[in-house]
C-alpha atoms as a PDB file:
ATOM      1  CA  MET A   1     -31.751  33.892 -55.732  1.00  0.00           C
ATOM      2  CA  ILE A   2     -28.834  35.012 -57.647  1.00  0.00           C
ATOM      3  CA  GLY A   3     -25.353  33.491 -56.261  1.00  0.00           C
ATOM      4  CA  ILE A   4     -21.674  33.778 -57.514  1.00  0.00           C
ATOM      5  CA  VAL A   5     -20.814  34.153 -61.032  1.00  0.00           C
ATOM      6  CA  PRO A   6     -17.261  32.892 -61.071  1.00  0.00           C
ATOM      7  CA  GLN A   7     -14.692  34.305 -63.635  1.00  0.00           C
ATOM      8  CA  PRO A   8     -12.068  32.433 -65.797  1.00  0.00           C
ATOM      9  CA  GLY A   9      -9.079  31.483 -63.377  1.00  0.00           C
ATOM     10  CA  GLN A  10     -11.523  30.972 -60.242  1.00  0.00           C
ATOM     11  CA  THR A  11     -12.046  27.772 -58.694  1.00  0.00           C
ATOM     12  CA  VAL A  12     -15.481  26.419 -57.754  1.00  0.00           C
ATOM     13  CA  GLN A  13     -16.969  23.815 -55.514  1.00  0.00           C
ATOM     14  CA  LEU A  14     -20.151  22.267 -56.606  1.00  0.00           C
ATOM     15  CA  SER A  15     -22.269  20.164 -54.591  1.00  0.00           C
ATOM     16  CA  GLY A  16     -26.146  19.224 -54.709  1.00  0.00           C
ATOM     17  CA  ASP A  17     -26.939  22.936 -54.139  1.00  0.00           C
ATOM     18  CA  ALA A  18     -25.820  23.447 -57.407  1.00  0.00           C
ATOM     19  CA  SER A  19     -27.394  20.766 -59.131  1.00  0.00           C
ATOM     20  CA  PRO A  20     -28.566  17.071 -57.971  1.00  0.00           C
ATOM     21  CA  GLN A  21     -26.066  15.574 -60.069  1.00  0.00           C
ATOM     22  CA  PHE A  22     -23.481  16.708 -57.273  1.00  0.00           C
ATOM     23  CA  ARG A  23     -25.409  15.614 -54.608  1.00  0.00           C
ATOM     24  CA  ASP A  24     -23.734  12.237 -54.108  1.00  0.00           C
ATOM     25  CA  GLN A  25     -20.091  13.350 -55.540  1.00  0.00           C
ATOM     26  CA  PRO A  26     -19.379  17.105 -55.248  1.00  0.00           C
ATOM     27  CA  LEU A  27     -17.170  18.366 -57.843  1.00  0.00           C
ATOM     28  CA  ARG A  28     -14.169  21.256 -58.051  1.00  0.00           C
ATOM     29  CA  LEU A  29     -14.167  23.066 -61.169  1.00  0.00           C
ATOM     30  CA  LEU A  30     -11.123  25.284 -62.614  1.00  0.00           C
ATOM     31  CA  ILE A  31     -13.407  27.960 -64.719  1.00  0.00           C
ATOM     32  CA  THR A  32     -11.781  28.142 -68.152  1.00  0.00           C
ATOM     33  CA  GLU A  33     -14.586  30.270 -70.168  1.00  0.00           C
ATOM     34  CA  PRO A  34     -16.843  33.077 -69.058  1.00  0.00           C
ATOM     35  CA  PRO A  35     -20.155  31.656 -67.881  1.00  0.00           C
ATOM     36  CA  LEU A  36     -23.066  31.606 -69.945  1.00  0.00           C
ATOM     37  CA  PRO A  37     -26.690  31.970 -68.609  1.00  0.00           C
ATOM     38  CA  SER A  38     -28.931  28.777 -68.998  1.00  0.00           C
ATOM     39  CA  THR A  39     -30.856  28.864 -72.662  1.00  0.00           C
ATOM     40  CA  VAL A  40     -33.992  29.540 -70.506  1.00  0.00           C
ATOM     41  CA  ASP A  41     -32.417  32.473 -68.966  1.00  0.00           C
ATOM     42  CA  ALA A  42     -30.735  33.716 -72.134  1.00  0.00           C
ATOM     43  CA  ALA A  43     -34.031  33.497 -73.842  1.00  0.00           C
ATOM     44  CA  GLN A  44     -35.485  35.570 -71.733  1.00  0.00           C
ATOM     45  CA  GLY A  45     -32.678  38.169 -72.247  1.00  0.00           C
ATOM     46  CA  LYS A  46     -30.602  37.607 -68.875  1.00  0.00           C
ATOM     47  CA  PRO A  47     -27.219  37.757 -68.772  1.00  0.00           C
ATOM     48  CA  ALA A  48     -25.047  35.318 -66.412  1.00  0.00           C
ATOM     49  CA  GLU A  49     -25.015  37.939 -63.733  1.00  0.00           C
ATOM     50  CA  ARG A  50     -28.832  37.671 -63.381  1.00  0.00           C
ATOM     51  CA  ALA A  51     -29.501  33.894 -64.358  1.00  0.00           C
ATOM     52  CA  SER A  52     -30.566  31.432 -62.299  1.00  0.00           C
ATOM     53  CA  TRP A  53     -28.690  28.921 -63.864  1.00  0.00           C
ATOM     54  CA  LEU A  54     -25.433  28.768 -65.745  1.00  0.00           C
ATOM     55  CA  LEU A  55     -23.491  26.866 -68.034  1.00  0.00           C
ATOM     56  CA  LEU A  56     -19.858  26.536 -66.518  1.00  0.00           C
ATOM     57  CA  THR A  57     -17.061  25.233 -68.507  1.00  0.00           C
ATOM     58  CA  GLY A  58     -13.562  24.240 -67.022  1.00  0.00           C
ATOM     59  CA  TRP A  59     -11.330  21.371 -65.535  1.00  0.00           C
ATOM     60  CA  GLU A  60     -12.853  18.949 -63.392  1.00  0.00           C
ATOM     61  CA  LEU A  61     -10.023  18.984 -60.597  1.00  0.00           C
ATOM     62  CA  GLY A  62      -9.003  15.717 -58.690  1.00  0.00           C
ATOM     63  CA  PRO A  63      -8.415  15.298 -54.984  1.00  0.00           C
ATOM     64  CA  ARG A  64      -4.798  16.710 -55.423  1.00  0.00           C
ATOM     65  CA  GLY A  65      -5.788  19.705 -57.842  1.00  0.00           C
ATOM     66  CA  GLN A  66      -4.743  17.813 -60.910  1.00  0.00           C
ATOM     67  CA  ARG A  67      -6.682  18.565 -64.001  1.00  0.00           C
ATOM     68  CA  VAL A  68      -8.828  15.411 -64.721  1.00  0.00           C
ATOM     69  CA  VAL A  69     -11.266  16.530 -67.582  1.00  0.00           C
ATOM     70  CA  LYS A  70     -12.592  19.366 -69.299  1.00  0.00           C
ATOM     71  CA  ARG A  71     -16.154  19.830 -68.703  1.00  0.00           C
ATOM     72  CA  THR A  72     -19.154  21.890 -69.289  1.00  0.00           C
ATOM     73  CA  VAL A  73     -21.816  21.662 -66.334  1.00  0.00           C
ATOM     74  CA  SER A  74     -25.298  23.228 -65.806  1.00  0.00           C
ATOM     75  CA  VAL A  75     -25.761  24.739 -62.458  1.00  0.00           C
ATOM     76  CA  ARG A  76     -28.038  26.958 -60.185  1.00  0.00           C
ATOM     77  CA  THR A  77     -26.135  30.109 -59.505  1.00  0.00           C
ATOM     78  CA  ALA A  78     -27.267  29.840 -55.692  1.00  0.00           C
ATOM     79  CA  GLY A  79     -25.133  26.777 -55.367  1.00  0.00           C
ATOM     80  CA  VAL A  80     -21.825  27.920 -56.874  1.00  0.00           C
ATOM     81  CA  ALA A  81     -19.255  28.316 -53.934  1.00  0.00           C
ATOM     82  CA  LEU A  82     -15.630  29.645 -54.295  1.00  0.00           C
ATOM     83  CA  ASP A  83     -13.380  27.240 -53.553  1.00  0.00           C
ATOM     84  CA  GLN A  84     -11.283  28.463 -50.323  1.00  0.00           C
ATOM     85  CA  THR A  85      -8.382  25.844 -50.510  1.00  0.00           C
ATOM     86  CA  ALA A  86      -4.755  26.425 -51.306  1.00  0.00           C
ATOM     87  CA  PRO A  87      -3.750  27.650 -54.523  1.00  0.00           C
ATOM     88  CA  LEU A  88      -3.227  24.845 -57.219  1.00  0.00           C
ATOM     89  CA  SER A  89       0.383  24.021 -58.452  1.00  0.00           C
ATOM     90  CA  ARG A  90       0.694  24.771 -62.434  1.00  0.00           C
ATOM     91  CA  ARG A  91       1.387  21.010 -62.822  1.00  0.00           C
END
């Protein structure tokens, strides 16, 4: 099942559906670079829009929307959810 492929500037919520590493501690990520297909999907010639797994790069956001650390994470596209919270401040 193919899910959402976020674009730079969008914020996503990542939980256990996206990757087991987020099962106990979900993550909000502000996407800063275009998503890439996983190495397995890329080897099969799949672009990010058809990949089962993506590499997402962006800022991990804290509870108040503050940027905490820049990360690259591997996630199932079916588990990526766009963040529906209020827009973040520019701080």
